[in-house]
Amino acid sequence: MKRSVLFTLIPIIVLLALTVYSLTEEQWTAGPVFPEITKPYDPERAEQNGDVVLAIDRKANLEKWEHFLESLKIKRVDAIRITQYTVEGDPVFSELFYNGKSIHFTYDDSLDGFGEHLIRTRSICKAIGTVKLENGNGMHILEGCNNGIGRYFAFP
């Protein structure tokens, strides 16, 4: 009896897992899986939307970054938006989606008055690495990207 229930449940669980994976991939290629970006997009709004926030006077939701790194280690599908603010207070967005195999990176500096105005530019990367800076601190970077857009990602 237990064995027949187990054999019935396994295909259902696998089917559900594949459905969730497919929807996640589909959402990523169809458009953003994050709350819409509207002006003004100040650090308070970014925090309320669940973004990891790095501003000169504010940091928020940093635990989500740690959760994302853990997802990479165990090959769990995950997504995160990091909103970093320039000295002038303009937001720059980095969206990372991990599908269990590769990291899909979207960069958007369209609201940065001094940026290159790269609107939702994408790259697919193999990993997140760490480089040591001259001051001894580490900086997370994307590695093995399929184009030059990955160079725009840097996270302390």
Protein backbone atom coordinates (compact mmCIF):
# COMPACT_ATOMS: atom_id res chain seq x y z
CA MET A 1 0.00 0.00 0.00
CA LYS A 2 2.72 2.50 1.00
CA ARG A 3 4.73 1.64 -2.09
CA SER A 4 1.81 2.29 -4.48
CA VAL A 5 1.12 5.66 -2.83
CA LEU A 6 4.81 6.56 -3.16
CA PHE A 7 4.87 5.60 -6.86
CA THR A 8 1.75 7.68 -7.42
CA LEU A 9 3.14 10.74 -5.64
CA ILE A 10 6.57 10.78 -7.30
CA PRO A 11 5.30 11.54 -10.84
CA ILE A 12 2.97 14.23 -9.47
CA ILE A 13 5.82 15.91 -7.57
CA VAL A 14 8.10 15.77 -10.62
CA LEU A 15 5.36 17.21 -12.82
CA LEU A 16 4.74 20.06 -10.36
CA ALA A 17 8.46 20.83 -10.15
CA LEU A 18 8.76 20.93 -13.95
CA THR A 19 5.71 23.18 -14.19
CA VAL A 20 7.16 25.65 -11.67
CA TYR A 21 10.50 25.62 -13.51
CA SER A 22 8.81 26.19 -16.88
CA LEU A 23 6.70 29.04 -15.58
CA THR A 24 9.72 30.69 -14.05
CA GLU A 25 11.72 30.43 -17.29
CA GLU A 26 8.71 31.62 -19.28
CA GLN A 27 8.17 34.61 -17.02
CA TRP A 28 11.83 35.56 -17.31
CA THR A 29 11.89 35.53 -21.10
CA ALA A 30 8.46 37.17 -21.38
CA GLY A 31 9.32 40.08 -19.12
CA PRO A 32 10.14 41.11 -15.61
CA VAL A 33 9.30 38.91 -12.65
CA PHE A 34 9.76 41.89 -10.34
CA PRO A 35 7.45 44.79 -9.44
CA GLU A 36 7.22 47.48 -12.10
CA ILE A 37 9.72 50.32 -11.97
CA THR A 38 7.97 53.67 -11.88
CA LYS A 39 9.31 57.16 -11.24
CA PRO A 40 10.27 58.14 -8.66
CA TYR A 41 11.96 54.93 -7.51
CA ASP A 42 13.48 55.97 -4.21
CA PRO A 43 15.20 53.60 -1.74
CA GLU A 44 12.04 53.30 0.36
CA ARG A 45 10.02 52.07 -2.62
CA ALA A 46 12.79 49.71 -3.65
CA GLU A 47 12.85 48.24 -0.15
CA GLN A 48 9.05 47.87 -0.10
CA ASN A 49 9.25 46.07 -3.47
CA GLY A 50 11.70 43.57 -1.98
CA ASP A 51 14.80 44.83 -3.79
CA VAL A 52 18.20 44.60 -2.19
CA VAL A 53 18.98 48.29 -1.69
CA LEU A 54 22.41 49.91 -1.69
CA ALA A 55 22.31 53.66 -1.28
CA ILE A 56 24.82 56.01 0.30
CA ASP A 57 22.73 56.35 3.47
CA ARG A 58 20.68 53.14 3.35
CA LYS A 59 21.08 49.40 2.96
CA ALA A 60 18.11 47.05 3.00
CA ASN A 61 17.13 43.44 2.36
CA LEU A 62 20.77 42.26 2.36
CA GLU A 63 19.60 38.87 3.62
CA LYS A 64 18.02 38.31 0.18
CA TRP A 65 21.51 38.48 -1.37
CA GLU A 66 22.74 35.79 1.04
CA HIS A 67 19.68 33.67 0.20
CA PHE A 68 20.43 34.06 -3.53
CA LEU A 69 24.06 32.96 -3.03
CA GLU A 70 22.82 29.93 -1.09
CA SER A 71 20.44 29.11 -3.97
CA LEU A 72 23.41 29.07 -6.34
CA LYS A 73 25.26 26.60 -4.11
CA ILE A 74 22.36 24.14 -3.98
CA LYS A 75 21.19 24.77 -7.58
CA ARG A 76 17.78 26.12 -6.51
CA VAL A 77 15.85 28.40 -8.90
CA ASP A 78 15.86 31.95 -7.54
CA ALA A 79 15.64 35.59 -8.60
CA ILE A 80 16.73 38.87 -7.06
CA ARG A 81 16.70 42.56 -7.95
CA ILE A 82 19.47 44.77 -6.63
CA THR A 83 18.88 48.51 -6.78
CA GLN A 84 22.02 50.57 -6.30
CA TYR A 85 21.88 54.35 -6.07
CA THR A 86 24.41 56.75 -7.56
CA VAL A 87 25.91 59.68 -5.66
CA GLU A 88 23.19 61.81 -7.27
CA GLY A 89 20.52 59.43 -5.96
CA ASP A 90 19.57 57.80 -9.28
CA PRO A 91 18.67 54.08 -9.25
CA VAL A 92 20.55 51.48 -11.28
CA PHE A 93 18.96 48.02 -11.48
CA SER A 94 20.58 44.60 -11.61
CA GLU A 95 18.18 41.67 -11.91
CA LEU A 96 19.55 38.17 -11.53
CA PHE A 97 17.59 35.02 -12.31
CA TYR A 98 19.15 31.63 -11.61
CA ASN A 99 17.47 28.72 -13.37
CA GLY A 100 19.53 26.01 -11.69
CA LYS A 101 22.17 26.09 -14.45
CA SER A 102 23.00 29.65 -15.45
CA ILE A 103 22.49 33.20 -14.24
CA HIS A 104 20.37 35.45 -16.45
CA PHE A 105 21.43 39.03 -15.77
CA THR A 106 19.47 42.14 -16.73
CA TYR A 107 21.04 45.57 -16.33
CA ASP A 108 19.06 48.81 -16.48
CA ASP A 109 20.52 52.28 -15.91
CA SER A 110 17.75 54.12 -17.77
CA LEU A 111 16.91 56.27 -14.71
CA ASP A 112 20.54 57.28 -14.12
CA GLY A 113 21.06 60.82 -15.40
CA PHE A 114 24.75 60.12 -16.06
CA GLY A 115 24.41 56.48 -17.16
CA GLU A 116 24.81 54.89 -20.56
CA HIS A 117 21.03 54.41 -20.73
CA LEU A 118 21.18 50.68 -21.20
CA ILE A 119 17.54 49.70 -20.86
CA ARG A 120 16.97 46.08 -19.81
CA THR A 121 20.16 44.82 -21.44
CA ARG A 122 20.73 41.10 -20.85
CA SER A 123 23.52 38.58 -20.48
CA ILE A 124 23.72 34.91 -19.52
CA CYS A 125 26.54 34.04 -17.13
CA LYS A 126 27.95 30.87 -15.60
CA ALA A 127 28.78 31.96 -12.05
CA ILE A 128 29.28 34.66 -9.46
CA GLY A 129 32.87 35.12 -8.36
CA THR A 130 34.68 37.39 -5.93
CA VAL A 131 37.59 39.73 -6.57
CA LYS A 132 39.67 41.44 -3.91
CA LEU A 133 39.88 45.19 -4.09
CA GLU A 134 42.93 47.26 -3.16
CA ASN A 135 41.33 48.15 0.18
CA GLY A 136 41.09 44.44 1.02
CA ASN A 137 37.31 44.19 0.62
CA GLY A 138 35.72 41.67 -1.71
CA MET A 139 33.45 42.48 -4.67
CA HIS A 140 31.06 39.96 -6.27
CA ILE A 141 31.19 39.86 -10.06
CA LEU A 142 29.63 37.77 -12.81
CA GLU A 143 31.84 35.25 -14.59
CA GLY A 144 31.63 33.41 -17.90
CA CYS A 145 29.09 35.75 -19.50
CA ASN A 146 28.04 35.41 -23.14
CA ASN A 147 28.59 39.14 -23.83
CA GLY A 148 30.09 42.27 -22.30
CA ILE A 149 26.98 43.24 -20.31
CA GLY A 150 28.07 41.08 -17.37
CA ARG A 151 30.85 43.60 -16.62
CA TYR A 152 28.22 46.03 -15.35
CA PHE A 153 27.51 43.86 -12.32
CA ALA A 154 29.48 44.49 -9.13
CA PHE A 155 28.15 43.92 -5.63
CA PRO A 156 30.10 44.35 -2.39
